[in-house]
Amino acid sequence: MRRFVVLLLALGAVVGMPLSASAHDVLESTNPADGATVERMPAAVVLTFSEDPLPLGTQLLVRGPGGDVAEGKPTVSGREVRQAVSSSAPGGDYTVTYRVTSDDGHPVSGTFAFRATTGLDGSAAPAATGPVGGSASAAQPDGGGSSLPVVVGLAVVLVVVLVAVGLLLRRRRPTSA
């Protein structure tokens, strides 16, 4: 019985370790910040993630009054993803939509918004029509939530199988007369 308890503890340690490593990257910050009003349109939009995203499939759209003002392809450097903005970007309200590949291979996507009082082209933003931001969506892997229920379910099944095997082995031991 002691061996069985030790085996269950070892199994718990092995099953519990990957749970912390299975988390997807999350968006930690943006520049400009979600909901911010900046004096001048930045030359680039920067997203910072909790881990280094993979460059594979990275997409950033920066949409403003004149449409998409992203210039060139986004670049990944460490935990940062940077998207250059066209020098003709006008002042106004902007929405950034992103999709990156997490370091574990899962896609992470979301949106955030900001307002630029003055554009890179020198133009002033039109009068605000409503609050900027507040609509940011959390960086969630496509396809939904956590893999925790699957891992816990597999662990429960494994424990049940081990208990059954332990009971069968205990029953089959020959008894001394």
C-alpha atoms as a PDB file:
ATOM      1  CA  MET A   1       0.000   0.000   0.000  1.00  0.00           C
ATOM      2  CA  ARG A   2       2.888   2.370   0.739  1.00  0.00           C
ATOM      3  CA  ARG A   3       4.239   1.919  -2.787  1.00  0.00           C
ATOM      4  CA  PHE A   4       0.817   2.724  -4.178  1.00  0.00           C
ATOM      5  CA  VAL A   5       0.649   5.998  -2.210  1.00  0.00           C
ATOM      6  CA  VAL A   6       4.159   6.946  -3.377  1.00  0.00           C
ATOM      7  CA  LEU A   7       3.146   6.154  -6.956  1.00  0.00           C
ATOM      8  CA  LEU A   8       0.057   8.391  -6.672  1.00  0.00           C
ATOM      9  CA  LEU A   9       2.149  11.256  -5.260  1.00  0.00           C
ATOM     10  CA  ALA A  10       4.681  10.904  -8.074  1.00  0.00           C
ATOM     11  CA  LEU A  11       1.858  10.840 -10.624  1.00  0.00           C
ATOM     12  CA  GLY A  12       0.387  14.010  -9.118  1.00  0.00           C
ATOM     13  CA  ALA A  13       3.749  15.761  -9.370  1.00  0.00           C
ATOM     14  CA  VAL A  14       4.220  14.737 -13.007  1.00  0.00           C
ATOM     15  CA  VAL A  15       0.673  15.726 -14.019  1.00  0.00           C
ATOM     16  CA  GLY A  16       0.824  19.028 -12.109  1.00  0.00           C
ATOM     17  CA  MET A  17       4.125  20.272 -13.569  1.00  0.00           C
ATOM     18  CA  PRO A  18       3.030  20.905 -17.167  1.00  0.00           C
ATOM     19  CA  LEU A  19      -0.004  22.953 -16.097  1.00  0.00           C
ATOM     20  CA  SER A  20       2.011  26.112 -15.557  1.00  0.00           C
ATOM     21  CA  ALA A  21       3.955  25.639 -18.778  1.00  0.00           C
ATOM     22  CA  SER A  22       0.817  25.155 -20.889  1.00  0.00           C
ATOM     23  CA  ALA A  23      -0.376  28.764 -20.527  1.00  0.00           C
ATOM     24  CA  HIS A  24      -0.632  30.775 -23.721  1.00  0.00           C
ATOM     25  CA  ASP A  25       1.096  34.092 -24.233  1.00  0.00           C
ATOM     26  CA  VAL A  26      -0.925  37.090 -23.131  1.00  0.00           C
ATOM     27  CA  LEU A  27      -0.752  40.698 -24.238  1.00  0.00           C
ATOM     28  CA  GLU A  28       0.871  42.623 -21.370  1.00  0.00           C
ATOM     29  CA  SER A  29       0.893  46.150 -22.801  1.00  0.00           C
ATOM     30  CA  THR A  30       0.485  48.248 -25.910  1.00  0.00           C
ATOM     31  CA  ASN A  31       1.978  51.516 -27.047  1.00  0.00           C
ATOM     32  CA  PRO A  32      -0.213  53.526 -27.395  1.00  0.00           C
ATOM     33  CA  ALA A  33      -2.234  52.082 -24.508  1.00  0.00           C
ATOM     34  CA  ASP A  34      -5.794  50.900 -25.036  1.00  0.00           C
ATOM     35  CA  GLY A  35      -8.180  53.828 -24.684  1.00  0.00           C
ATOM     36  CA  ALA A  36      -5.375  56.419 -24.632  1.00  0.00           C
ATOM     37  CA  THR A  37      -5.394  59.766 -26.395  1.00  0.00           C
ATOM     38  CA  VAL A  38      -1.929  60.620 -27.710  1.00  0.00           C
ATOM     39  CA  GLU A  39      -0.840  64.086 -28.817  1.00  0.00           C
ATOM     40  CA  ARG A  40       0.761  62.811 -32.048  1.00  0.00           C
ATOM     41  CA  MET A  41       0.254  59.605 -33.998  1.00  0.00           C
ATOM     42  CA  PRO A  42       3.208  57.308 -33.261  1.00  0.00           C
ATOM     43  CA  ALA A  43       5.439  56.146 -36.104  1.00  0.00           C
ATOM     44  CA  ALA A  44       4.865  52.556 -34.913  1.00  0.00           C
ATOM     45  CA  VAL A  45       2.441  50.574 -32.771  1.00  0.00           C
ATOM     46  CA  VAL A  46       4.126  48.212 -30.283  1.00  0.00           C
ATOM     47  CA  LEU A  47       2.589  45.213 -28.529  1.00  0.00           C
ATOM     48  CA  THR A  48       4.412  43.488 -25.648  1.00  0.00           C
ATOM     49  CA  PHE A  49       3.561  39.873 -24.773  1.00  0.00           C
ATOM     50  CA  SER A  50       4.310  37.713 -21.730  1.00  0.00           C
ATOM     51  CA  GLU A  51       6.557  35.425 -23.805  1.00  0.00           C
ATOM     52  CA  ASP A  52       8.407  35.699 -27.124  1.00  0.00           C
ATOM     53  CA  PRO A  53       5.816  35.190 -29.887  1.00  0.00           C
ATOM     54  CA  LEU A  54       6.822  33.339 -33.042  1.00  0.00           C
ATOM     55  CA  PRO A  55       7.103  35.430 -36.234  1.00  0.00           C
ATOM     56  CA  LEU A  56       5.025  32.830 -38.113  1.00  0.00           C
ATOM     57  CA  GLY A  57       1.639  34.269 -39.129  1.00  0.00           C
ATOM     58  CA  THR A  58       1.995  37.605 -37.325  1.00  0.00           C
ATOM     59  CA  GLN A  59      -0.593  40.164 -38.494  1.00  0.00           C
ATOM     60  CA  LEU A  60      -1.296  43.707 -37.278  1.00  0.00           C
ATOM     61  CA  LEU A  61      -3.888  46.005 -38.821  1.00  0.00           C
ATOM     62  CA  VAL A  62      -3.927  49.651 -37.767  1.00  0.00           C
ATOM     63  CA  ARG A  63      -7.215  51.132 -38.991  1.00  0.00           C
ATOM     64  CA  GLY A  64      -8.064  54.795 -38.722  1.00  0.00           C
ATOM     65  CA  PRO A  65     -10.112  57.454 -40.492  1.00  0.00           C
ATOM     66  CA  GLY A  66      -8.481  56.687 -43.834  1.00  0.00           C
ATOM     67  CA  GLY A  67      -8.422  52.892 -43.508  1.00  0.00           C
ATOM     68  CA  ASP A  68      -5.408  50.680 -42.791  1.00  0.00           C
ATOM     69  CA  VAL A  69      -2.239  52.727 -42.187  1.00  0.00           C
ATOM     70  CA  ALA A  70       0.103  49.820 -41.399  1.00  0.00           C
ATOM     71  CA  GLU A  71       3.249  50.072 -43.480  1.00  0.00           C
ATOM     72  CA  GLY A  72       5.195  46.949 -44.334  1.00  0.00           C
ATOM     73  CA  LYS A  73       5.127  43.767 -42.311  1.00  0.00           C
ATOM     74  CA  PRO A  74       5.159  43.628 -38.517  1.00  0.00           C
ATOM     75  CA  THR A  75       8.468  42.709 -36.875  1.00  0.00           C
ATOM     76  CA  VAL A  76       8.975  40.455 -33.863  1.00  0.00           C
ATOM     77  CA  SER A  77      11.854  41.165 -31.501  1.00  0.00           C
ATOM     78  CA  GLY A  78      11.853  39.284 -28.231  1.00  0.00           C
ATOM     79  CA  ARG A  79       8.493  39.837 -26.534  1.00  0.00           C
ATOM     80  CA  GLU A  80       7.645  42.843 -28.725  1.00  0.00           C
ATOM     81  CA  VAL A  81       5.740  42.989 -31.989  1.00  0.00           C
ATOM     82  CA  ARG A  82       6.147  46.303 -33.838  1.00  0.00           C
ATOM     83  CA  GLN A  83       4.106  47.605 -36.761  1.00  0.00           C
ATOM     84  CA  ALA A  84       5.303  50.697 -38.635  1.00  0.00           C
ATOM     85  CA  VAL A  85       2.657  53.289 -39.489  1.00  0.00           C
ATOM     86  CA  SER A  86       2.443  55.231 -42.753  1.00  0.00           C
ATOM     87  CA  SER A  87       3.726  58.809 -42.656  1.00  0.00           C
ATOM     88  CA  SER A  88       0.401  59.874 -44.175  1.00  0.00           C
ATOM     89  CA  ALA A  89      -1.638  58.586 -41.190  1.00  0.00           C
ATOM     90  CA  PRO A  90      -4.161  61.295 -40.223  1.00  0.00           C
ATOM     91  CA  GLY A  91      -5.271  62.265 -36.734  1.00  0.00           C
ATOM     92  CA  GLY A  92      -8.319  60.438 -35.422  1.00  0.00           C
ATOM     93  CA  ASP A  93      -9.550  57.259 -33.785  1.00  0.00           C
ATOM     94  CA  TYR A  94      -7.624  54.046 -34.457  1.00  0.00           C
ATOM     95  CA  THR A  95      -8.338  50.386 -33.877  1.00  0.00           C
ATOM     96  CA  VAL A  96      -5.499  47.858 -33.848  1.00  0.00           C
ATOM     97  CA  THR A  97      -6.348  44.249 -34.622  1.00  0.00           C
ATOM     98  CA  TYR A  98      -3.608  41.700 -34.046  1.00  0.00           C
ATOM     99  CA  ARG A  99      -2.936  38.011 -34.443  1.00  0.00           C
ATOM    100  CA  VAL A 100       0.345  36.431 -33.358  1.00  0.00           C
ATOM    101  CA  THR A 101       1.547  32.892 -32.845  1.00  0.00           C
ATOM    102  CA  SER A 102       2.199  32.095 -29.206  1.00  0.00           C
ATOM    103  CA  ASP A 103       5.514  30.445 -28.300  1.00  0.00           C
ATOM    104  CA  ASP A 104       3.522  27.217 -27.774  1.00  0.00           C
ATOM    105  CA  GLY A 105       2.224  27.416 -31.356  1.00  0.00           C
ATOM    106  CA  HIS A 106      -1.328  28.618 -30.605  1.00  0.00           C
ATOM    107  CA  PRO A 107      -2.696  31.772 -32.251  1.00  0.00           C
ATOM    108  CA  VAL A 108      -3.435  34.731 -29.963  1.00  0.00           C
ATOM    109  CA  SER A 109      -5.583  37.611 -31.200  1.00  0.00           C
ATOM    110  CA  GLY A 110      -7.409  40.695 -30.040  1.00  0.00           C
ATOM    111  CA  THR A 111      -8.076  44.379 -30.583  1.00  0.00           C
ATOM    112  CA  PHE A 112      -7.477  47.687 -28.850  1.00  0.00           C
ATOM    113  CA  ALA A 113      -8.151  51.329 -29.666  1.00  0.00           C
ATOM    114  CA  PHE A 114      -6.561  54.748 -29.213  1.00  0.00           C
ATOM    115  CA  ARG A 115      -6.953  58.313 -30.439  1.00  0.00           C
ATOM    116  CA  ALA A 116      -4.275  60.485 -32.071  1.00  0.00           C
ATOM    117  CA  THR A 117      -4.968  64.215 -31.708  1.00  0.00           C
ATOM    118  CA  THR A 118      -2.537  65.011 -34.559  1.00  0.00           C
ATOM    119  CA  GLY A 119      -1.679  62.688 -37.423  1.00  0.00           C
ATOM    120  CA  LEU A 120       1.766  61.982 -38.823  1.00  0.00           C
ATOM    121  CA  ASP A 121       0.624  64.010 -41.815  1.00  0.00           C
ATOM    122  CA  GLY A 122       0.002  67.015 -39.510  1.00  0.00           C
ATOM    123  CA  SER A 123      -3.786  66.830 -39.702  1.00  0.00           C
ATOM    124  CA  ALA A 124      -5.923  67.356 -36.609  1.00  0.00           C
ATOM    125  CA  ALA A 125      -8.341  64.680 -35.448  1.00  0.00           C
ATOM    126  CA  PRO A 126     -12.019  65.334 -36.118  1.00  0.00           C
ATOM    127  CA  ALA A 127     -14.237  65.899 -33.069  1.00  0.00           C
ATOM    128  CA  ALA A 128     -14.592  62.800 -30.923  1.00  0.00           C
ATOM    129  CA  THR A 129     -17.838  60.896 -31.442  1.00  0.00           C
ATOM    130  CA  GLY A 130     -17.570  58.668 -28.386  1.00  0.00           C
ATOM    131  CA  PRO A 131     -15.167  57.121 -25.928  1.00  0.00           C
ATOM    132  CA  VAL A 132     -12.020  55.556 -27.331  1.00  0.00           C
ATOM    133  CA  GLY A 133     -11.093  52.087 -26.150  1.00  0.00           C
ATOM    134  CA  GLY A 134     -12.924  50.107 -23.548  1.00  0.00           C
ATOM    135  CA  SER A 135     -13.536  47.522 -26.228  1.00  0.00           C
ATOM    136  CA  ALA A 136     -10.207  45.785 -26.016  1.00  0.00           C
ATOM    137  CA  SER A 137     -10.492  42.058 -26.074  1.00  0.00           C
ATOM    138  CA  ALA A 138      -8.148  39.951 -24.024  1.00  0.00           C
ATOM    139  CA  ALA A 139      -5.475  38.044 -25.863  1.00  0.00           C
ATOM    140  CA  GLN A 140      -7.088  34.642 -26.082  1.00  0.00           C
ATOM    141  CA  PRO A 141      -5.981  31.754 -28.180  1.00  0.00           C
ATOM    142  CA  ASP A 142      -8.311  31.134 -31.088  1.00  0.00           C
ATOM    143  CA  GLY A 143     -10.675  28.335 -30.343  1.00  0.00           C
ATOM    144  CA  GLY A 144     -11.349  29.380 -26.791  1.00  0.00           C
ATOM    145  CA  GLY A 145     -10.332  28.647 -23.302  1.00  0.00           C
ATOM    146  CA  SER A 146      -7.973  26.683 -21.240  1.00  0.00           C
ATOM    147  CA  SER A 147      -6.707  23.151 -21.669  1.00  0.00           C
ATOM    148  CA  LEU A 148      -6.917  22.677 -17.893  1.00  0.00           C
ATOM    149  CA  PRO A 149     -10.200  20.673 -17.962  1.00  0.00           C
ATOM    150  CA  VAL A 150      -8.693  18.231 -20.463  1.00  0.00           C
ATOM    151  CA  VAL A 151      -5.550  17.749 -18.367  1.00  0.00           C
ATOM    152  CA  VAL A 152      -7.544  17.297 -15.160  1.00  0.00           C
ATOM    153  CA  GLY A 153      -9.855  14.832 -16.895  1.00  0.00           C
ATOM    154  CA  LEU A 154      -6.918  12.784 -18.152  1.00  0.00           C
ATOM    155  CA  ALA A 155      -5.346  12.828 -14.678  1.00  0.00           C
ATOM    156  CA  VAL A 156      -8.573  11.544 -13.103  1.00  0.00           C
ATOM    157  CA  VAL A 157      -8.834   8.735 -15.646  1.00  0.00           C
ATOM    158  CA  LEU A 158      -5.204   7.793 -15.038  1.00  0.00           C
ATOM    159  CA  VAL A 159      -5.686   7.725 -11.265  1.00  0.00           C
ATOM    160  CA  VAL A 160      -8.777   5.521 -11.603  1.00  0.00           C
ATOM    161  CA  VAL A 161      -6.868   3.099 -13.828  1.00  0.00           C
ATOM    162  CA  LEU A 162      -3.946   2.988 -11.375  1.00  0.00           C
ATOM    163  CA  VAL A 163      -6.276   2.326  -8.427  1.00  0.00           C
ATOM    164  CA  ALA A 164      -7.971  -0.475 -10.352  1.00  0.00           C
ATOM    165  CA  VAL A 165      -4.618  -2.039 -11.283  1.00  0.00           C
ATOM    166  CA  GLY A 166      -3.437  -1.721  -7.677  1.00  0.00           C
ATOM    167  CA  LEU A 167      -6.557  -3.451  -6.362  1.00  0.00           C
ATOM    168  CA  LEU A 168      -6.269  -6.244  -8.919  1.00  0.00           C
ATOM    169  CA  LEU A 169      -2.622  -6.858  -8.049  1.00  0.00           C
ATOM    170  CA  ARG A 170      -3.426  -6.866  -4.347  1.00  0.00           C
ATOM    171  CA  ARG A 171      -6.233  -9.431  -4.851  1.00  0.00           C
ATOM    172  CA  ARG A 172      -4.030 -11.781  -6.875  1.00  0.00           C
ATOM    173  CA  ARG A 173      -1.251 -12.054  -4.303  1.00  0.00           C
ATOM    174  CA  PRO A 174      -1.062 -15.526  -2.891  1.00  0.00           C
ATOM    175  CA  THR A 175      -1.807 -15.681   0.817  1.00  0.00           C
ATOM    176  CA  SER A 176       0.314 -17.652   3.226  1.00  0.00           C
ATOM    177  CA  ALA A 177      -1.471 -20.416   5.123  1.00  0.00           C
END
